Amino acid sequence: MYKSAELSNMTVKVGDKTAFAMDGLAVQITPPADGKAMDFTANTEKFTADLSLIDDPKSKEAIEALGYQNISGNIAMAGTWQPSDGKMELSKYDISVENAGTLGMTFKLGGYTVDFIKSMQAMQMQLASQPEGADNSAQGMAMLGLMQQLSFNGASVRFEDDSLTGKVLDYVGKQQGMSAKDVAN
């Protein structure tokens, strides 16, 4: 098992335009030992996304009205996983976008064992090997059965505003012929 990984940069292009770029991805893992869970963290120094490349007219209109054609920010994650009993906790998963806000999520899951992961990988390989257009309903039912082995023990979602909320209220208000204050009430 590795203890750390780094990716200095990654770029996703659409044609000749950069749709998404990420710099400085760093992952650290403390392997499980003496009955303790594995700890992990992952962070990016910066990501950028060109949302002007989105084709959907309604989405494009909203993105332009909010002023988020180009966004940048960072991602931070932390958690633990106990392979022996499959308990996993994602204690931090924050996506921060400059001049918008931070979307933070956490969750606790049970049953995410090594055997579960191996079964999931085998099923994904089986699905991928099916010819296009093939009936995958049996594999879909098997996947649902596999997912029933997991227990969902809690989750939280939070948003820390850094100007997005006001912009959304203004946008929705203009759409409805109201003020942002009236929309909020």
N, C-alpha and C. Protein backbone atom coordinates (compact mmCIF):
# COMPACT_ATOMS: atom_id res chain seq x y z
N MET A 1 0.84 -1.17 0.00
CA MET A 1 0.00 0.00 0.00
C MET A 1 0.89 1.24 0.00
N TYR A 2 0.51 2.21 -0.81
CA TYR A 2 1.29 3.44 -0.86
C TYR A 2 0.92 4.35 0.30
N LYS A 3 1.83 5.25 0.67
CA LYS A 3 1.59 6.18 1.77
C LYS A 3 1.32 7.59 1.29
N SER A 4 1.73 7.89 0.05
CA SER A 4 1.45 9.22 -0.49
C SER A 4 1.49 9.17 -2.01
N ALA A 5 0.82 10.13 -2.59
CA ALA A 5 0.83 10.27 -4.05
C ALA A 5 0.69 11.75 -4.36
N GLU A 6 1.31 12.16 -5.46
CA GLU A 6 1.21 13.55 -5.89
C GLU A 6 1.00 13.59 -7.39
N LEU A 7 0.22 14.56 -7.81
CA LEU A 7 0.01 14.83 -9.22
C LEU A 7 0.20 16.32 -9.38
N SER A 8 1.26 16.72 -10.09
CA SER A 8 1.57 18.15 -10.15
C SER A 8 0.52 18.92 -10.93
N ASN A 9 0.02 18.37 -12.03
CA ASN A 9 -1.07 19.04 -12.73
C ASN A 9 -1.80 18.07 -13.65
N MET A 10 -3.03 18.45 -13.97
CA MET A 10 -3.88 17.68 -14.86
C MET A 10 -4.71 18.68 -15.65
N THR A 11 -4.90 18.40 -16.93
CA THR A 11 -5.69 19.28 -17.78
C THR A 11 -6.66 18.44 -18.60
N VAL A 12 -7.91 18.92 -18.67
CA VAL A 12 -8.93 18.30 -19.51
C VAL A 12 -9.30 19.33 -20.57
N LYS A 13 -9.18 18.93 -21.83
CA LYS A 13 -9.47 19.87 -22.92
C LYS A 13 -10.71 19.44 -23.68
N VAL A 14 -11.43 20.42 -24.20
CA VAL A 14 -12.53 20.21 -25.12
C VAL A 14 -12.09 20.93 -26.39
N GLY A 15 -11.74 20.15 -27.41
CA GLY A 15 -11.13 20.75 -28.59
C GLY A 15 -9.79 21.33 -28.19
N ASP A 16 -9.58 22.60 -28.46
CA ASP A 16 -8.31 23.23 -28.09
C ASP A 16 -8.44 24.11 -26.84
N LYS A 17 -9.60 24.04 -26.16
CA LYS A 17 -9.82 24.87 -24.97
C LYS A 17 -9.72 24.02 -23.70
N THR A 18 -9.13 24.59 -22.67
CA THR A 18 -9.01 23.91 -21.38
C THR A 18 -10.33 24.04 -20.63
N ALA A 19 -11.01 22.91 -20.43
CA ALA A 19 -12.27 22.89 -19.70
C ALA A 19 -12.04 22.83 -18.19
N PHE A 20 -11.00 22.07 -17.78
CA PHE A 20 -10.72 21.89 -16.36
C PHE A 20 -9.22 21.69 -16.20
N ALA A 21 -8.67 22.29 -15.17
CA ALA A 21 -7.25 22.09 -14.84
C ALA A 21 -7.13 22.02 -13.32
N MET A 22 -6.20 21.21 -12.88
CA MET A 22 -5.96 21.06 -11.45
C MET A 22 -4.46 21.04 -11.21
N ASP A 23 -4.04 21.74 -10.18
CA ASP A 23 -2.63 21.77 -9.79
C ASP A 23 -2.47 21.28 -8.36
N GLY A 24 -1.39 20.57 -8.13
CA GLY A 24 -0.97 20.22 -6.78
C GLY A 24 -1.87 19.27 -6.03
N LEU A 25 -2.26 18.16 -6.64
CA LEU A 25 -3.02 17.15 -5.91
C LEU A 25 -2.05 16.36 -5.03
N ALA A 26 -2.35 16.28 -3.75
CA ALA A 26 -1.51 15.53 -2.81
C ALA A 26 -2.41 14.62 -1.99
N VAL A 27 -2.03 13.34 -1.92
CA VAL A 27 -2.77 12.34 -1.15
C VAL A 27 -1.82 11.75 -0.12
N GLN A 28 -2.27 11.66 1.13
CA GLN A 28 -1.48 11.02 2.18
C GLN A 28 -2.34 9.94 2.82
N ILE A 29 -1.71 8.79 3.08
CA ILE A 29 -2.40 7.66 3.70
C ILE A 29 -1.55 7.12 4.84
N THR A 30 -2.19 6.89 5.96
CA THR A 30 -1.56 6.18 7.07
C THR A 30 -2.20 4.80 7.09
N PRO A 31 -1.46 3.77 6.69
CA PRO A 31 -2.04 2.42 6.60
C PRO A 31 -2.59 1.94 7.94
N PRO A 32 -3.61 1.08 7.89
CA PRO A 32 -4.15 0.53 9.13
C PRO A 32 -3.09 -0.32 9.84
N ALA A 33 -3.02 -0.19 11.14
CA ALA A 33 -2.05 -0.97 11.93
C ALA A 33 -2.56 -1.12 13.35
N ASP A 34 -2.25 -2.24 13.94
CA ASP A 34 -2.61 -2.51 15.34
C ASP A 34 -4.10 -2.29 15.61
N GLY A 35 -4.94 -2.68 14.64
CA GLY A 35 -6.38 -2.55 14.81
C GLY A 35 -6.94 -1.17 14.56
N LYS A 36 -6.07 -0.22 14.24
CA LYS A 36 -6.53 1.14 13.98
C LYS A 36 -6.92 1.28 12.51
N ALA A 37 -7.82 2.20 12.25
CA ALA A 37 -8.27 2.46 10.89
C ALA A 37 -7.20 3.19 10.08
N MET A 38 -7.31 3.07 8.78
CA MET A 38 -6.46 3.82 7.86
C MET A 38 -6.96 5.27 7.86
N ASP A 39 -6.04 6.22 7.92
CA ASP A 39 -6.35 7.64 7.79
C ASP A 39 -5.94 8.08 6.39
N PHE A 40 -6.73 8.99 5.80
CA PHE A 40 -6.34 9.52 4.50
C PHE A 40 -6.74 10.99 4.39
N THR A 41 -5.94 11.71 3.62
CA THR A 41 -6.24 13.10 3.26
C THR A 41 -5.92 13.28 1.79
N ALA A 42 -6.60 14.21 1.18
CA ALA A 42 -6.31 14.59 -0.20
C ALA A 42 -6.63 16.07 -0.35
N ASN A 43 -5.76 16.79 -1.03
CA ASN A 43 -5.94 18.22 -1.21
C ASN A 43 -5.45 18.64 -2.59
N THR A 44 -6.06 19.67 -3.12
CA THR A 44 -5.54 20.30 -4.32
C THR A 44 -5.14 21.72 -3.97
N GLU A 45 -4.05 22.18 -4.58
CA GLU A 45 -3.67 23.58 -4.40
C GLU A 45 -4.68 24.47 -5.11
N LYS A 46 -5.06 24.07 -6.34
CA LYS A 46 -5.95 24.91 -7.12
C LYS A 46 -6.57 24.10 -8.25
N PHE A 47 -7.83 24.43 -8.56
CA PHE A 47 -8.44 23.94 -9.78
C PHE A 47 -9.08 25.12 -10.49
N THR A 48 -9.22 25.01 -11.79
CA THR A 48 -9.94 26.00 -12.59
C THR A 48 -10.87 25.26 -13.53
N ALA A 49 -11.99 25.90 -13.86
CA ALA A 49 -12.94 25.31 -14.80
C ALA A 49 -13.51 26.42 -15.66
N ASP A 50 -13.61 26.15 -16.96
CA ASP A 50 -14.19 27.10 -17.91
C ASP A 50 -15.64 26.67 -18.16
N LEU A 51 -16.56 27.26 -17.42
CA LEU A 51 -17.97 26.89 -17.53
C LEU A 51 -18.63 27.49 -18.77
N SER A 52 -17.93 28.39 -19.46
CA SER A 52 -18.48 28.94 -20.70
C SER A 52 -18.55 27.87 -21.79
N LEU A 53 -17.87 26.74 -21.58
CA LEU A 53 -17.89 25.66 -22.56
C LEU A 53 -19.13 24.78 -22.45
N ILE A 54 -19.96 25.01 -21.44
CA ILE A 54 -21.19 24.23 -21.29
C ILE A 54 -22.14 24.59 -22.43
N ASP A 55 -22.73 23.56 -23.04
CA ASP A 55 -23.58 23.76 -24.21
C ASP A 55 -25.03 24.09 -23.88
N ASP A 56 -25.56 23.57 -22.79
CA ASP A 56 -26.98 23.73 -22.47
C ASP A 56 -27.33 25.22 -22.34
N PRO A 57 -28.27 25.72 -23.16
CA PRO A 57 -28.58 27.16 -23.16
C PRO A 57 -29.06 27.69 -21.81
N LYS A 58 -29.91 26.96 -21.10
CA LYS A 58 -30.40 27.45 -19.80
C LYS A 58 -29.27 27.52 -18.78
N SER A 59 -28.41 26.50 -18.77
CA SER A 59 -27.27 26.51 -17.85
C SER A 59 -26.33 27.65 -18.19
N LYS A 60 -26.08 27.82 -19.48
CA LYS A 60 -25.17 28.88 -19.94
C LYS A 60 -25.70 30.25 -19.52
N GLU A 61 -27.01 30.46 -19.67
CA GLU A 61 -27.63 31.73 -19.28
C GLU A 61 -27.43 31.99 -17.79
N ALA A 62 -27.68 30.98 -16.97
CA ALA A 62 -27.52 31.14 -15.52
C ALA A 62 -26.07 31.40 -15.14
N ILE A 63 -25.15 30.67 -15.75
CA ILE A 63 -23.72 30.84 -15.47
C ILE A 63 -23.27 32.26 -15.80
N GLU A 64 -23.72 32.76 -16.95
CA GLU A 64 -23.35 34.12 -17.36
C GLU A 64 -23.97 35.16 -16.43
N ALA A 65 -25.24 34.95 -16.06
CA ALA A 65 -25.92 35.91 -15.18
C ALA A 65 -25.25 35.97 -13.80
N LEU A 66 -24.76 34.85 -13.34
CA LEU A 66 -24.10 34.80 -12.03
C LEU A 66 -22.64 35.24 -12.09
N GLY A 67 -22.09 35.31 -13.30
CA GLY A 67 -20.70 35.73 -13.47
C GLY A 67 -19.68 34.65 -13.18
N TYR A 68 -20.07 33.40 -13.41
CA TYR A 68 -19.17 32.29 -13.11
C TYR A 68 -18.72 31.54 -14.37
N GLN A 69 -18.43 32.27 -15.44
CA GLN A 69 -17.95 31.62 -16.65
C GLN A 69 -16.64 30.88 -16.40
N ASN A 70 -15.79 31.46 -15.58
CA ASN A 70 -14.51 30.83 -15.20
C ASN A 70 -14.44 30.81 -13.68
N ILE A 71 -14.24 29.62 -13.13
CA ILE A 71 -14.16 29.50 -11.68
C ILE A 71 -12.83 28.89 -11.29
N SER A 72 -12.44 29.16 -10.05
CA SER A 72 -11.23 28.55 -9.51
C SER A 72 -11.45 28.30 -8.03
N GLY A 73 -10.69 27.37 -7.51
CA GLY A 73 -10.82 27.06 -6.10
C GLY A 73 -9.91 25.92 -5.70
N ASN A 74 -10.30 25.22 -4.63
CA ASN A 74 -9.50 24.08 -4.17
C ASN A 74 -10.42 23.03 -3.55
N ILE A 75 -9.85 21.86 -3.32
CA ILE A 75 -10.59 20.74 -2.74
C ILE A 75 -9.78 20.18 -1.58
N ALA A 76 -10.46 19.85 -0.49
CA ALA A 76 -9.80 19.24 0.67
C ALA A 76 -10.65 18.08 1.17
N MET A 77 -10.01 16.94 1.39
CA MET A 77 -10.69 15.74 1.87
C MET A 77 -9.92 15.13 3.04
N ALA A 78 -10.66 14.46 3.92
CA ALA A 78 -10.03 13.70 5.01
C ALA A 78 -11.00 12.64 5.47
N GLY A 79 -10.45 11.52 5.93
CA GLY A 79 -11.32 10.48 6.43
C GLY A 79 -10.56 9.30 6.98
N THR A 80 -11.34 8.28 7.35
CA THR A 80 -10.77 7.04 7.87
C THR A 80 -11.50 5.86 7.24
N TRP A 81 -10.80 4.72 7.20
CA TRP A 81 -11.41 3.48 6.70
C TRP A 81 -10.83 2.31 7.48
N GLN A 82 -11.71 1.49 8.00
CA GLN A 82 -11.30 0.28 8.71
C GLN A 82 -11.61 -0.92 7.80
N PRO A 83 -10.58 -1.46 7.10
CA PRO A 83 -10.82 -2.55 6.16
C PRO A 83 -11.45 -3.79 6.79
N SER A 84 -11.15 -4.06 8.05
CA SER A 84 -11.64 -5.30 8.67
C SER A 84 -13.15 -5.33 8.82
N ASP A 85 -13.77 -4.22 9.18
CA ASP A 85 -15.23 -4.21 9.32
C ASP A 85 -15.94 -3.31 8.31
N GLY A 86 -15.16 -2.60 7.49
CA GLY A 86 -15.75 -1.79 6.42
C GLY A 86 -16.30 -0.45 6.86
N LYS A 87 -15.98 0.00 8.06
CA LYS A 87 -16.45 1.32 8.49
C LYS A 87 -15.62 2.40 7.81
N MET A 88 -16.32 3.31 7.14
CA MET A 88 -15.64 4.41 6.46
C MET A 88 -16.29 5.71 6.88
N GLU A 89 -15.46 6.68 7.19
CA GLU A 89 -15.96 8.01 7.52
C GLU A 89 -15.22 9.03 6.66
N LEU A 90 -15.98 9.77 5.89
CA LEU A 90 -15.42 10.90 5.17
C LEU A 90 -15.73 12.11 6.05
N SER A 91 -14.75 12.53 6.83
CA SER A 91 -14.96 13.59 7.81
C SER A 91 -14.86 14.99 7.20
N LYS A 92 -14.33 15.05 5.99
CA LYS A 92 -14.22 16.35 5.30
C LYS A 92 -14.17 16.11 3.80
N TYR A 93 -15.03 16.81 3.08
CA TYR A 93 -14.95 16.85 1.63
C TYR A 93 -15.45 18.23 1.24
N ASP A 94 -14.53 19.18 1.18
CA ASP A 94 -14.85 20.57 0.92
C ASP A 94 -14.40 20.98 -0.48
N ILE A 95 -15.35 21.52 -1.23
CA ILE A 95 -15.04 22.10 -2.54
C ILE A 95 -15.26 23.59 -2.40
N SER A 96 -14.16 24.35 -2.46
CA SER A 96 -14.22 25.80 -2.29
C SER A 96 -14.03 26.47 -3.64
N VAL A 97 -14.96 27.35 -3.99
CA VAL A 97 -14.88 28.11 -5.23
C VAL A 97 -14.74 29.58 -4.86
N GLU A 98 -13.68 30.20 -5.34
CA GLU A 98 -13.42 31.61 -5.03
C GLU A 98 -14.59 32.48 -5.46
N ASN A 99 -14.95 33.42 -4.61
CA ASN A 99 -16.05 34.36 -4.86
C ASN A 99 -17.39 33.66 -5.06
N ALA A 100 -17.55 32.47 -4.50
CA ALA A 100 -18.83 31.75 -4.54
C ALA A 100 -19.11 31.18 -3.15
N GLY A 101 -18.29 30.21 -2.72
CA GLY A 101 -18.48 29.61 -1.41
C GLY A 101 -17.85 28.24 -1.33
N THR A 102 -18.12 27.57 -0.22
CA THR A 102 -17.58 26.24 0.02
C THR A 102 -18.72 25.27 0.27
N LEU A 103 -18.76 24.22 -0.53
CA LEU A 103 -19.71 23.13 -0.33
C LEU A 103 -18.98 22.04 0.43
N GLY A 104 -19.47 21.72 1.62
CA GLY A 104 -18.82 20.72 2.45
C GLY A 104 -19.74 19.54 2.69
N MET A 105 -19.19 18.34 2.63
CA MET A 105 -19.97 17.13 2.84
C MET A 105 -19.20 16.18 3.76
N THR A 106 -19.95 15.42 4.54
CA THR A 106 -19.37 14.35 5.34
C THR A 106 -20.33 13.16 5.27
N PHE A 107 -19.81 11.96 5.49
CA PHE A 107 -20.69 10.80 5.60
C PHE A 107 -20.01 9.67 6.35
N LYS A 108 -20.84 8.78 6.87
CA LYS A 108 -20.37 7.56 7.55
C LYS A 108 -21.06 6.38 6.89
N LEU A 109 -20.27 5.35 6.61
CA LEU A 109 -20.74 4.20 5.86
C LEU A 109 -20.22 2.94 6.53
N GLY A 110 -20.99 1.89 6.51
CA GLY A 110 -20.55 0.60 7.03
C GLY A 110 -20.63 -0.45 5.94
N GLY A 111 -19.87 -1.51 6.08
CA GLY A 111 -19.90 -2.61 5.12
C GLY A 111 -18.99 -2.46 3.92
N TYR A 112 -18.18 -1.41 3.89
CA TYR A 112 -17.29 -1.15 2.76
C TYR A 112 -15.99 -1.93 2.97
N THR A 113 -16.10 -3.26 2.90
CA THR A 113 -14.98 -4.15 3.17
C THR A 113 -14.17 -4.40 1.90
N VAL A 114 -13.02 -5.04 2.07
CA VAL A 114 -12.19 -5.43 0.93
C VAL A 114 -12.97 -6.38 0.03
N ASP A 115 -13.71 -7.32 0.62
CA ASP A 115 -14.52 -8.25 -0.18
C ASP A 115 -15.58 -7.51 -0.98
N PHE A 116 -16.21 -6.50 -0.37
CA PHE A 116 -17.20 -5.70 -1.09
C PHE A 116 -16.56 -5.02 -2.29
N ILE A 117 -15.39 -4.43 -2.08
CA ILE A 117 -14.69 -3.72 -3.16
C ILE A 117 -14.35 -4.68 -4.29
N LYS A 118 -13.85 -5.87 -3.95
CA LYS A 118 -13.52 -6.86 -4.98
C LYS A 118 -14.77 -7.29 -5.76
N SER A 119 -15.87 -7.49 -5.07
CA SER A 119 -17.13 -7.86 -5.74
C SER A 119 -17.60 -6.75 -6.66
N MET A 120 -17.49 -5.52 -6.21
CA MET A 120 -17.90 -4.37 -7.02
C MET A 120 -17.03 -4.26 -8.27
N GLN A 121 -15.72 -4.44 -8.12
CA GLN A 121 -14.82 -4.38 -9.27
C GLN A 121 -15.14 -5.48 -10.27
N ALA A 122 -15.40 -6.69 -9.78
CA ALA A 122 -15.74 -7.81 -10.68
C ALA A 122 -17.03 -7.52 -11.44
N MET A 123 -18.00 -6.95 -10.76
CA MET A 123 -19.27 -6.63 -11.41
C MET A 123 -19.09 -5.53 -12.45
N GLN A 124 -18.27 -4.53 -12.14
CA GLN A 124 -18.01 -3.46 -13.10
C GLN A 124 -17.31 -4.00 -14.34
N MET A 125 -16.38 -4.92 -14.15
CA MET A 125 -15.69 -5.53 -15.30
C MET A 125 -16.68 -6.33 -16.14
N GLN A 126 -17.58 -7.03 -15.49
CA GLN A 126 -18.58 -7.81 -16.20
C GLN A 126 -19.50 -6.89 -17.00
N LEU A 127 -19.93 -5.80 -16.40
CA LEU A 127 -20.78 -4.83 -17.11
C LEU A 127 -20.04 -4.22 -18.29
N ALA A 128 -18.77 -3.89 -18.09
CA ALA A 128 -17.98 -3.27 -19.16
C ALA A 128 -17.75 -4.22 -20.32
N SER A 129 -17.75 -5.53 -20.06
CA SER A 129 -17.49 -6.50 -21.13
C SER A 129 -18.74 -6.81 -21.95
N GLN A 130 -19.90 -6.34 -21.51
CA GLN A 130 -21.13 -6.59 -22.26
C GLN A 130 -21.12 -5.78 -23.55
N PRO A 131 -21.64 -6.36 -24.63
CA PRO A 131 -21.73 -5.58 -25.87
C PRO A 131 -22.70 -4.41 -25.69
N GLU A 132 -22.46 -3.34 -26.43
CA GLU A 132 -23.31 -2.17 -26.33
C GLU A 132 -24.73 -2.54 -26.71
N GLY A 133 -25.67 -2.06 -25.92
CA GLY A 133 -27.08 -2.36 -26.17
C GLY A 133 -27.55 -3.66 -25.56
N ALA A 134 -26.66 -4.40 -24.91
CA ALA A 134 -27.04 -5.68 -24.29
C ALA A 134 -27.94 -5.42 -23.08
N ASP A 135 -28.74 -6.42 -22.74
CA ASP A 135 -29.62 -6.33 -21.58
C ASP A 135 -28.78 -6.50 -20.31
N ASN A 136 -28.65 -5.42 -19.56
CA ASN A 136 -27.85 -5.43 -18.33
C ASN A 136 -28.73 -5.50 -17.08
N SER A 137 -30.00 -5.86 -17.23
CA SER A 137 -30.91 -5.83 -16.09
C SER A 137 -30.48 -6.80 -14.99
N ALA A 138 -29.97 -7.98 -15.35
CA ALA A 138 -29.53 -8.95 -14.33
C ALA A 138 -28.35 -8.38 -13.55
N GLN A 139 -27.41 -7.75 -14.25
CA GLN A 139 -26.27 -7.16 -13.56
C GLN A 139 -26.71 -5.98 -12.70
N GLY A 140 -27.70 -5.24 -13.18
CA GLY A 140 -28.22 -4.12 -12.40
C GLY A 140 -28.85 -4.60 -11.10
N MET A 141 -29.59 -5.69 -11.17
CA MET A 141 -30.19 -6.26 -9.95
C MET A 141 -29.10 -6.78 -9.01
N ALA A 142 -28.08 -7.40 -9.59
CA ALA A 142 -26.97 -7.90 -8.77
C ALA A 142 -26.24 -6.74 -8.09
N MET A 143 -26.09 -5.63 -8.80
CA MET A 143 -25.45 -4.44 -8.24
C MET A 143 -26.28 -3.90 -7.08
N LEU A 144 -27.60 -3.86 -7.24
CA LEU A 144 -28.46 -3.41 -6.15
C LEU A 144 -28.32 -4.32 -4.93
N GLY A 145 -28.25 -5.63 -5.18
CA GLY A 145 -28.05 -6.58 -4.09
C GLY A 145 -26.74 -6.34 -3.37
N LEU A 146 -25.71 -6.05 -4.14
CA LEU A 146 -24.40 -5.77 -3.56
C LEU A 146 -24.45 -4.49 -2.71
N MET A 147 -25.13 -3.48 -3.22
CA MET A 147 -25.22 -2.21 -2.50
C MET A 147 -25.97 -2.36 -1.18
N GLN A 148 -26.84 -3.37 -1.08
CA GLN A 148 -27.57 -3.59 0.17
C GLN A 148 -26.66 -4.04 1.30
N GLN A 149 -25.44 -4.42 0.97
CA GLN A 149 -24.48 -4.81 2.01
C GLN A 149 -23.94 -3.59 2.76
N LEU A 150 -24.14 -2.42 2.18
CA LEU A 150 -23.66 -1.19 2.81
C LEU A 150 -24.70 -0.65 3.78
N SER A 151 -24.24 -0.04 4.84
CA SER A 151 -25.14 0.66 5.75
C SER A 151 -24.74 2.14 5.77
N PHE A 152 -25.74 2.97 5.60
CA PHE A 152 -25.53 4.41 5.57
C PHE A 152 -25.81 4.93 6.96
N ASN A 153 -24.79 5.41 7.64
CA ASN A 153 -24.91 5.77 9.05
C ASN A 153 -25.01 7.26 9.31
N GLY A 154 -24.98 8.07 8.29
CA GLY A 154 -25.12 9.51 8.50
C GLY A 154 -24.42 10.30 7.43
N ALA A 155 -24.90 11.52 7.26
CA ALA A 155 -24.30 12.43 6.28
C ALA A 155 -24.64 13.86 6.66
N SER A 156 -23.83 14.77 6.21
CA SER A 156 -24.15 16.19 6.38
C SER A 156 -23.68 16.93 5.13
N VAL A 157 -24.41 17.98 4.82
CA VAL A 157 -24.06 18.86 3.71
C VAL A 157 -24.18 20.28 4.25
N ARG A 158 -23.19 21.09 3.98
CA ARG A 158 -23.24 22.48 4.42
C ARG A 158 -22.71 23.37 3.30
N PHE A 159 -23.10 24.63 3.34
CA PHE A 159 -22.59 25.60 2.37
C PHE A 159 -22.20 26.86 3.12
N GLU A 160 -20.95 27.28 2.94
CA GLU A 160 -20.46 28.54 3.51
C GLU A 160 -20.42 29.55 2.37
N ASP A 161 -21.26 30.54 2.47
CA ASP A 161 -21.42 31.50 1.38
C ASP A 161 -20.27 32.49 1.30
N ASP A 162 -19.89 32.81 0.07
CA ASP A 162 -18.89 33.84 -0.19
C ASP A 162 -19.37 34.69 -1.37
N SER A 163 -20.68 34.92 -1.47
CA SER A 163 -21.35 35.77 -2.45
C SER A 163 -22.28 35.02 -3.40
N LEU A 164 -22.23 33.71 -3.48
CA LEU A 164 -23.10 32.97 -4.40
C LEU A 164 -24.58 33.16 -4.05
N THR A 165 -24.93 33.09 -2.78
CA THR A 165 -26.34 33.15 -2.37
C THR A 165 -26.99 34.44 -2.85
N GLY A 166 -26.35 35.56 -2.62
CA GLY A 166 -26.91 36.84 -3.07
C GLY A 166 -27.08 36.89 -4.58
N LYS A 167 -26.10 36.37 -5.31
CA LYS A 167 -26.19 36.35 -6.77
C LYS A 167 -27.34 35.47 -7.24
N VAL A 168 -27.53 34.32 -6.59
CA VAL A 168 -28.62 33.41 -6.96
C VAL A 168 -29.97 34.06 -6.65
N LEU A 169 -30.09 34.69 -5.49
CA LEU A 169 -31.34 35.37 -5.15
C LEU A 169 -31.65 36.48 -6.14
N ASP A 170 -30.65 37.26 -6.54
CA ASP A 170 -30.84 38.31 -7.55
C ASP A 170 -31.30 37.69 -8.87
N TYR A 171 -30.65 36.62 -9.30
CA TYR A 171 -30.98 35.96 -10.57
C TYR A 171 -32.41 35.42 -10.55
N VAL A 172 -32.77 34.71 -9.49
CA VAL A 172 -34.11 34.15 -9.39
C VAL A 172 -35.14 35.27 -9.30
N GLY A 173 -34.82 36.32 -8.56
CA GLY A 173 -35.73 37.45 -8.46
C GLY A 173 -36.00 38.08 -9.81
N LYS A 174 -34.96 38.28 -10.60
CA LYS A 174 -35.15 38.85 -11.94
C LYS A 174 -36.00 37.93 -12.81
N GLN A 175 -35.81 36.62 -12.67
CA GLN A 175 -36.60 35.65 -13.44
C GLN A 175 -38.09 35.74 -13.07
N GLN A 176 -38.37 36.05 -11.80
CA GLN A 176 -39.74 36.06 -11.31
C GLN A 176 -40.32 37.47 -11.15
N GLY A 177 -39.55 38.48 -11.54
CA GLY A 177 -40.01 39.86 -11.40
C GLY A 177 -40.11 40.31 -9.96
N MET A 178 -39.20 39.81 -9.13
CA MET A 178 -39.20 40.13 -7.70
C MET A 178 -37.82 40.62 -7.29
N SER A 179 -37.76 41.15 -6.08
CA SER A 179 -36.45 41.52 -5.54
C SER A 179 -35.82 40.30 -4.88
N ALA A 180 -34.51 40.35 -4.70
CA ALA A 180 -33.80 39.25 -4.03
C ALA A 180 -34.34 39.07 -2.61
N LYS A 181 -34.67 40.19 -1.95
CA LYS A 181 -35.19 40.13 -0.59
C LYS A 181 -36.53 39.39 -0.55
N ASP A 182 -37.39 39.66 -1.54
CA ASP A 182 -38.69 38.98 -1.59
C ASP A 182 -38.53 37.49 -1.85
N VAL A 183 -37.57 37.13 -2.68
CA VAL A 183 -37.32 35.71 -2.95
C VAL A 183 -36.85 35.02 -1.68
N ALA A 184 -36.00 35.67 -0.92
CA ALA A 184 -35.46 35.07 0.31
C ALA A 184 -36.54 34.86 1.36
N ASN A 185 -37.56 35.71 1.34
CA ASN A 185 -38.64 35.57 2.33
C ASN A 185 -39.68 34.64 1.80
